[in-house]
Amino acid sequence: MILPIVAYGDPVLKREAAEIERDHEGLNELIDDMFESMYEASGVGLAAPQVGHSIRLFVVDGTPFAEDAEDEPDPRAEGLDGFKKVFINPIIEEESGEEWSFNEGCLSIPDIREEVYRKERIVITYYDQNWELQEETYEGFAARIIQHEYDHIEGILFTDRISPLKKRLLSKRLSNISKGDIKVLYRMKFPLRKKQRS
């Protein structure tokens, strides 16, 4: 089932999400719905708070970045083909390497992209969909996708990582997103819209 993506301004996006237990009700269905919703919106990652669930869960599929890299090869895109994963109760244990910038966007903040600096390498522990504990190291775009989604479960948006001046310059556009004064090609839920449309 395709779920509406929660738009900028909804309090769920600014809340630190809670850990879940193995028997969390409807978890596998939610994961399936999140993948379906992410693909419908042409995203490469989606965190549970973005569909209104304040839990420490996100899904990723870096295949579109891998396809882009076929046209313009980028060593940071290595390993993205088939990079489809579920992260439950993740913890980024370490971030290392040089910071590099990339023009990031977010399904909850449509039509806005800004340069965001992130470390090039991470070590993360998490439970996969089979509730097996994993510890893995990622670099380049894979690390960036994970860092972006991990921010979501910490209540951080990519707009929190840009300069106060840039954020001030975007304030009207961000306000319009909250009110639903924007055209999007996927289902969204706008916190300040007077009458919700689904």
C-alpha atoms as a PDB file:
ATOM      1  CA  MET A   1       0.000   0.000   0.000  1.00  0.00           C
ATOM      2  CA  ILE A   2       1.324   3.425  -0.908  1.00  0.00           C
ATOM      3  CA  LEU A   3       1.484   5.625   2.179  1.00  0.00           C
ATOM      4  CA  PRO A   4       1.414   9.430   2.095  1.00  0.00           C
ATOM      5  CA  ILE A   5       4.776  11.070   2.764  1.00  0.00           C
ATOM      6  CA  VAL A   6       4.647  13.452   5.725  1.00  0.00           C
ATOM      7  CA  ALA A   7       5.633  16.990   4.684  1.00  0.00           C
ATOM      8  CA  TYR A   8       7.991  19.464   6.302  1.00  0.00           C
ATOM      9  CA  GLY A   9       6.477  21.088   9.386  1.00  0.00           C
ATOM     10  CA  ASP A  10       4.904  17.960  10.862  1.00  0.00           C
ATOM     11  CA  PRO A  11       6.143  17.434  14.458  1.00  0.00           C
ATOM     12  CA  VAL A  12       6.841  13.720  13.790  1.00  0.00           C
ATOM     13  CA  LEU A  13       9.794  14.764  11.607  1.00  0.00           C
ATOM     14  CA  LYS A  14      11.459  16.638  14.492  1.00  0.00           C
ATOM     15  CA  ARG A  15      11.004  13.918  17.119  1.00  0.00           C
ATOM     16  CA  GLU A  16      13.665  11.404  18.105  1.00  0.00           C
ATOM     17  CA  ALA A  17      12.180   8.038  17.152  1.00  0.00           C
ATOM     18  CA  ALA A  18      11.768   5.101  19.547  1.00  0.00           C
ATOM     19  CA  GLU A  19      13.403   1.682  19.327  1.00  0.00           C
ATOM     20  CA  ILE A  20      11.113  -1.225  18.555  1.00  0.00           C
ATOM     21  CA  GLU A  21      10.865  -4.858  19.635  1.00  0.00           C
ATOM     22  CA  ARG A  22      10.976  -7.914  17.406  1.00  0.00           C
ATOM     23  CA  ASP A  23       7.215  -8.429  17.784  1.00  0.00           C
ATOM     24  CA  HIS A  24       6.345  -4.855  16.714  1.00  0.00           C
ATOM     25  CA  GLU A  25       2.833  -5.106  15.297  1.00  0.00           C
ATOM     26  CA  GLY A  26       2.587  -4.932  11.507  1.00  0.00           C
ATOM     27  CA  LEU A  27       6.343  -4.428  11.031  1.00  0.00           C
ATOM     28  CA  ASN A  28       6.787  -6.520   7.877  1.00  0.00           C
ATOM     29  CA  GLU A  29       3.729  -4.945   6.283  1.00  0.00           C
ATOM     30  CA  LEU A  30       5.042  -1.474   7.153  1.00  0.00           C
ATOM     31  CA  ILE A  31       8.424  -2.308   5.600  1.00  0.00           C
ATOM     32  CA  ASP A  32       6.729  -3.506   2.393  1.00  0.00           C
ATOM     33  CA  ASP A  33       4.565  -0.350   2.318  1.00  0.00           C
ATOM     34  CA  MET A  34       7.623   1.854   2.868  1.00  0.00           C
ATOM     35  CA  PHE A  35       9.475   0.306  -0.076  1.00  0.00           C
ATOM     36  CA  GLU A  36       6.381   0.676  -2.266  1.00  0.00           C
ATOM     37  CA  SER A  37       5.895   4.305  -1.173  1.00  0.00           C
ATOM     38  CA  MET A  38       9.591   5.107  -1.703  1.00  0.00           C
ATOM     39  CA  TYR A  39       9.565   3.681  -5.237  1.00  0.00           C
ATOM     40  CA  GLU A  40       6.328   5.508  -6.082  1.00  0.00           C
ATOM     41  CA  ALA A  41       7.998   8.779  -5.048  1.00  0.00           C
ATOM     42  CA  SER A  42      11.279   7.921  -6.880  1.00  0.00           C
ATOM     43  CA  GLY A  43      13.286   8.014  -3.651  1.00  0.00           C
ATOM     44  CA  VAL A  44      16.427   6.120  -2.624  1.00  0.00           C
ATOM     45  CA  GLY A  45      15.600   6.019   1.086  1.00  0.00           C
ATOM     46  CA  LEU A  46      12.618   6.405   3.392  1.00  0.00           C
ATOM     47  CA  ALA A  47      12.458   6.574   7.177  1.00  0.00           C
ATOM     48  CA  ALA A  48       9.443   5.524   9.251  1.00  0.00           C
ATOM     49  CA  PRO A  49       8.843   9.075  10.601  1.00  0.00           C
ATOM     50  CA  GLN A  50       8.299  10.188   6.993  1.00  0.00           C
ATOM     51  CA  VAL A  51       5.189   8.004   6.883  1.00  0.00           C
ATOM     52  CA  GLY A  52       4.042   9.036  10.355  1.00  0.00           C
ATOM     53  CA  HIS A  53       5.634   6.275  12.474  1.00  0.00           C
ATOM     54  CA  SER A  54       8.057   7.572  15.107  1.00  0.00           C
ATOM     55  CA  ILE A  55      10.135   4.380  15.236  1.00  0.00           C
ATOM     56  CA  ARG A  56      13.794   3.641  14.485  1.00  0.00           C
ATOM     57  CA  LEU A  57      13.366   2.077  11.063  1.00  0.00           C
ATOM     58  CA  PHE A  58      14.378   3.046   7.553  1.00  0.00           C
ATOM     59  CA  VAL A  59      14.696   1.414   4.149  1.00  0.00           C
ATOM     60  CA  VAL A  60      17.113   2.193   1.313  1.00  0.00           C
ATOM     61  CA  ASP A  61      17.677   1.216  -2.299  1.00  0.00           C
ATOM     62  CA  GLY A  62      20.617   2.932  -3.968  1.00  0.00           C
ATOM     63  CA  THR A  63      20.023   1.441  -7.420  1.00  0.00           C
ATOM     64  CA  PRO A  64      19.007   4.803  -9.023  1.00  0.00           C
ATOM     65  CA  PHE A  65      22.362   6.306  -7.975  1.00  0.00           C
ATOM     66  CA  ALA A  66      24.123   3.288  -9.494  1.00  0.00           C
ATOM     67  CA  GLU A  67      22.216   3.808 -12.762  1.00  0.00           C
ATOM     68  CA  ASP A  68      23.180   7.506 -12.808  1.00  0.00           C
ATOM     69  CA  ALA A  69      26.823   6.512 -12.309  1.00  0.00           C
ATOM     70  CA  GLU A  70      26.700   4.437 -15.496  1.00  0.00           C
ATOM     71  CA  ASP A  71      26.407   7.704 -17.451  1.00  0.00           C
ATOM     72  CA  GLU A  72      28.839   9.674 -15.288  1.00  0.00           C
ATOM     73  CA  PRO A  73      31.140   7.256 -13.446  1.00  0.00           C
ATOM     74  CA  ASP A  74      31.744   8.221  -9.828  1.00  0.00           C
ATOM     75  CA  PRO A  75      33.819   5.992  -7.531  1.00  0.00           C
ATOM     76  CA  ARG A  76      31.580   7.028  -4.614  1.00  0.00           C
ATOM     77  CA  ALA A  77      28.717   5.133  -6.282  1.00  0.00           C
ATOM     78  CA  GLU A  78      30.492   1.763  -6.072  1.00  0.00           C
ATOM     79  CA  GLY A  79      28.418  -0.985  -4.486  1.00  0.00           C
ATOM     80  CA  LEU A  80      25.080   0.769  -4.977  1.00  0.00           C
ATOM     81  CA  ASP A  81      23.730  -1.634  -7.580  1.00  0.00           C
ATOM     82  CA  GLY A  82      21.511  -3.978  -5.590  1.00  0.00           C
ATOM     83  CA  PHE A  83      22.074  -1.927  -2.420  1.00  0.00           C
ATOM     84  CA  LYS A  84      18.602  -2.567  -0.980  1.00  0.00           C
ATOM     85  CA  LYS A  85      18.374  -2.875   2.798  1.00  0.00           C
ATOM     86  CA  VAL A  86      16.188  -2.562   5.880  1.00  0.00           C
ATOM     87  CA  PHE A  87      17.679  -0.945   8.991  1.00  0.00           C
ATOM     88  CA  ILE A  88      15.941  -1.603  12.337  1.00  0.00           C
ATOM     89  CA  ASN A  89      17.153   0.115  15.546  1.00  0.00           C
ATOM     90  CA  PRO A  90      20.352   1.284  13.816  1.00  0.00           C
ATOM     91  CA  ILE A  91      23.241   2.999  15.568  1.00  0.00           C
ATOM     92  CA  ILE A  92      25.966   4.823  13.644  1.00  0.00           C
ATOM     93  CA  GLU A  93      28.987   3.784  15.682  1.00  0.00           C
ATOM     94  CA  GLU A  94      31.555   5.850  13.824  1.00  0.00           C
ATOM     95  CA  GLU A  95      31.857   8.478  11.089  1.00  0.00           C
ATOM     96  CA  SER A  96      35.273   9.038   9.520  1.00  0.00           C
ATOM     97  CA  GLY A  97      37.112  10.390   6.504  1.00  0.00           C
ATOM     98  CA  GLU A  98      36.849  13.795   4.905  1.00  0.00           C
ATOM     99  CA  GLU A  99      33.581  15.675   4.673  1.00  0.00           C
ATOM    100  CA  TRP A 100      32.248  16.025   1.130  1.00  0.00           C
ATOM    101  CA  SER A 101      29.288  17.923  -0.173  1.00  0.00           C
ATOM    102  CA  PHE A 102      26.381  16.745  -2.261  1.00  0.00           C
ATOM    103  CA  ASN A 103      23.196  18.412  -3.430  1.00  0.00           C
ATOM    104  CA  GLU A 104      20.656  16.578  -1.227  1.00  0.00           C
ATOM    105  CA  GLY A 105      16.891  16.505  -1.436  1.00  0.00           C
ATOM    106  CA  CYS A 106      14.184  14.832   0.633  1.00  0.00           C
ATOM    107  CA  LEU A 107      10.779  13.351  -0.129  1.00  0.00           C
ATOM    108  CA  SER A 108       9.350  15.306   2.843  1.00  0.00           C
ATOM    109  CA  ILE A 109      10.753  18.562   1.420  1.00  0.00           C
ATOM    110  CA  PRO A 110       9.935  18.390  -2.310  1.00  0.00           C
ATOM    111  CA  ASP A 111      11.559  20.710  -4.877  1.00  0.00           C
ATOM    112  CA  ILE A 112      14.283  21.921  -2.522  1.00  0.00           C
ATOM    113  CA  ARG A 113      17.877  20.747  -2.848  1.00  0.00           C
ATOM    114  CA  GLU A 114      20.903  22.083  -0.977  1.00  0.00           C
ATOM    115  CA  GLU A 115      24.574  21.234  -0.548  1.00  0.00           C
ATOM    116  CA  VAL A 116      25.068  19.143   2.596  1.00  0.00           C
ATOM    117  CA  TYR A 117      28.436  18.082   3.988  1.00  0.00           C
ATOM    118  CA  ARG A 118      28.820  14.581   5.421  1.00  0.00           C
ATOM    119  CA  LYS A 119      31.718  12.301   6.370  1.00  0.00           C
ATOM    120  CA  GLU A 120      32.680   9.824   3.665  1.00  0.00           C
ATOM    121  CA  ARG A 121      32.656   6.633   5.770  1.00  0.00           C
ATOM    122  CA  ILE A 122      30.451   5.147   8.499  1.00  0.00           C
ATOM    123  CA  VAL A 123      30.280   2.057  10.682  1.00  0.00           C
ATOM    124  CA  ILE A 124      26.721   1.102  11.576  1.00  0.00           C
ATOM    125  CA  THR A 125      25.127  -1.625  13.675  1.00  0.00           C
ATOM    126  CA  TYR A 126      21.500  -2.575  13.064  1.00  0.00           C
ATOM    127  CA  TYR A 127      19.005  -5.405  12.906  1.00  0.00           C
ATOM    128  CA  ASP A 128      17.993  -6.587   9.457  1.00  0.00           C
ATOM    129  CA  GLN A 129      14.467  -7.684   8.548  1.00  0.00           C
ATOM    130  CA  ASN A 130      15.221 -11.164   9.930  1.00  0.00           C
ATOM    131  CA  TRP A 131      16.274  -9.593  13.255  1.00  0.00           C
ATOM    132  CA  GLU A 132      19.877 -10.600  12.783  1.00  0.00           C
ATOM    133  CA  LEU A 133      22.373  -8.117  14.228  1.00  0.00           C
ATOM    134  CA  GLN A 134      24.699  -6.651  11.606  1.00  0.00           C
ATOM    135  CA  GLU A 135      27.766  -4.426  11.772  1.00  0.00           C
ATOM    136  CA  GLU A 136      28.831  -2.973   8.447  1.00  0.00           C
ATOM    137  CA  THR A 137      31.023  -0.245   6.990  1.00  0.00           C
ATOM    138  CA  TYR A 138      29.812   1.956   4.133  1.00  0.00           C
ATOM    139  CA  GLU A 139      31.462   4.656   2.050  1.00  0.00           C
ATOM    140  CA  GLY A 140      30.486   7.251  -0.533  1.00  0.00           C
ATOM    141  CA  PHE A 141      26.869   7.463  -1.625  1.00  0.00           C
ATOM    142  CA  ALA A 142      25.842   4.392   0.371  1.00  0.00           C
ATOM    143  CA  ALA A 143      27.106   6.077   3.552  1.00  0.00           C
ATOM    144  CA  ARG A 144      25.378   9.334   2.593  1.00  0.00           C
ATOM    145  CA  ILE A 145      21.999   7.684   1.971  1.00  0.00           C
ATOM    146  CA  ILE A 146      22.235   5.954   5.356  1.00  0.00           C
ATOM    147  CA  GLN A 147      23.326   9.161   7.133  1.00  0.00           C
ATOM    148  CA  HIS A 148      20.395  11.076   5.617  1.00  0.00           C
ATOM    149  CA  GLU A 149      17.856   8.450   6.697  1.00  0.00           C
ATOM    150  CA  TYR A 150      19.509   8.036  10.091  1.00  0.00           C
ATOM    151  CA  ASP A 151      19.081  11.781  10.629  1.00  0.00           C
ATOM    152  CA  HIS A 152      15.336  11.281  10.153  1.00  0.00           C
ATOM    153  CA  ILE A 153      15.087   8.878  13.091  1.00  0.00           C
ATOM    154  CA  GLU A 154      17.072  11.386  15.166  1.00  0.00           C
ATOM    155  CA  GLY A 155      14.591  14.169  14.309  1.00  0.00           C
ATOM    156  CA  ILE A 156      17.051  15.950  11.996  1.00  0.00           C
ATOM    157  CA  LEU A 157      16.255  17.165   8.465  1.00  0.00           C
ATOM    158  CA  PHE A 158      18.824  18.041   5.814  1.00  0.00           C
ATOM    159  CA  THR A 159      17.689  21.673   6.089  1.00  0.00           C
ATOM    160  CA  ASP A 160      19.006  21.581   9.676  1.00  0.00           C
ATOM    161  CA  ARG A 161      22.477  21.000   8.207  1.00  0.00           C
ATOM    162  CA  ILE A 162      22.608  24.117   6.008  1.00  0.00           C
ATOM    163  CA  SER A 163      23.605  27.613   7.073  1.00  0.00           C
ATOM    164  CA  PRO A 164      21.069  29.771   8.967  1.00  0.00           C
ATOM    165  CA  LEU A 165      21.178  32.262   6.097  1.00  0.00           C
ATOM    166  CA  LYS A 166      20.302  29.652   3.480  1.00  0.00           C
ATOM    167  CA  LYS A 167      17.527  28.325   5.698  1.00  0.00           C
ATOM    168  CA  ARG A 168      16.141  31.845   6.121  1.00  0.00           C
ATOM    169  CA  LEU A 169      16.165  32.295   2.344  1.00  0.00           C
ATOM    170  CA  LEU A 170      14.167  29.061   2.022  1.00  0.00           C
ATOM    171  CA  SER A 171      11.664  29.905   4.777  1.00  0.00           C
ATOM    172  CA  LYS A 172       8.816  30.938   2.439  1.00  0.00           C
ATOM    173  CA  ARG A 173       9.217  27.829   0.291  1.00  0.00           C
ATOM    174  CA  LEU A 174       9.354  25.630   3.402  1.00  0.00           C
ATOM    175  CA  SER A 175       6.197  27.305   4.724  1.00  0.00           C
ATOM    176  CA  ASN A 176       4.445  26.666   1.395  1.00  0.00           C
ATOM    177  CA  ILE A 177       5.388  22.976   1.608  1.00  0.00           C
ATOM    178  CA  SER A 178       3.843  22.751   5.111  1.00  0.00           C
ATOM    179  CA  LYS A 179       0.646  24.316   3.769  1.00  0.00           C
ATOM    180  CA  GLY A 180       0.520  22.080   0.706  1.00  0.00           C
ATOM    181  CA  ASP A 181       1.068  24.990  -1.695  1.00  0.00           C
ATOM    182  CA  ILE A 182       3.215  22.836  -3.950  1.00  0.00           C
ATOM    183  CA  LYS A 183       2.749  20.363  -6.759  1.00  0.00           C
ATOM    184  CA  VAL A 184       4.047  16.880  -6.124  1.00  0.00           C
ATOM    185  CA  LEU A 185       3.758  13.670  -8.128  1.00  0.00           C
ATOM    186  CA  TYR A 186       3.276  11.414  -5.093  1.00  0.00           C
ATOM    187  CA  ARG A 187       0.925  11.240  -2.113  1.00  0.00           C
ATOM    188  CA  MET A 188       1.745  13.642   0.710  1.00  0.00           C
ATOM    189  CA  LYS A 189       0.259  14.690   4.024  1.00  0.00           C
ATOM    190  CA  PHE A 190       0.654  18.408   4.752  1.00  0.00           C
ATOM    191  CA  PRO A 191       0.518  19.510   8.410  1.00  0.00           C
ATOM    192  CA  LEU A 192      -0.865  23.006   7.786  1.00  0.00           C
ATOM    193  CA  ARG A 193      -3.269  22.299   4.955  1.00  0.00           C
ATOM    194  CA  LYS A 194      -6.787  23.295   5.953  1.00  0.00           C
ATOM    195  CA  LYS A 195      -8.472  20.310   4.336  1.00  0.00           C
ATOM    196  CA  GLN A 196      -6.437  17.165   3.750  1.00  0.00           C
ATOM    197  CA  ARG A 197      -6.487  15.480   0.371  1.00  0.00           C
ATOM    198  CA  SER A 198      -5.225  11.942   0.051  1.00  0.00           C
END
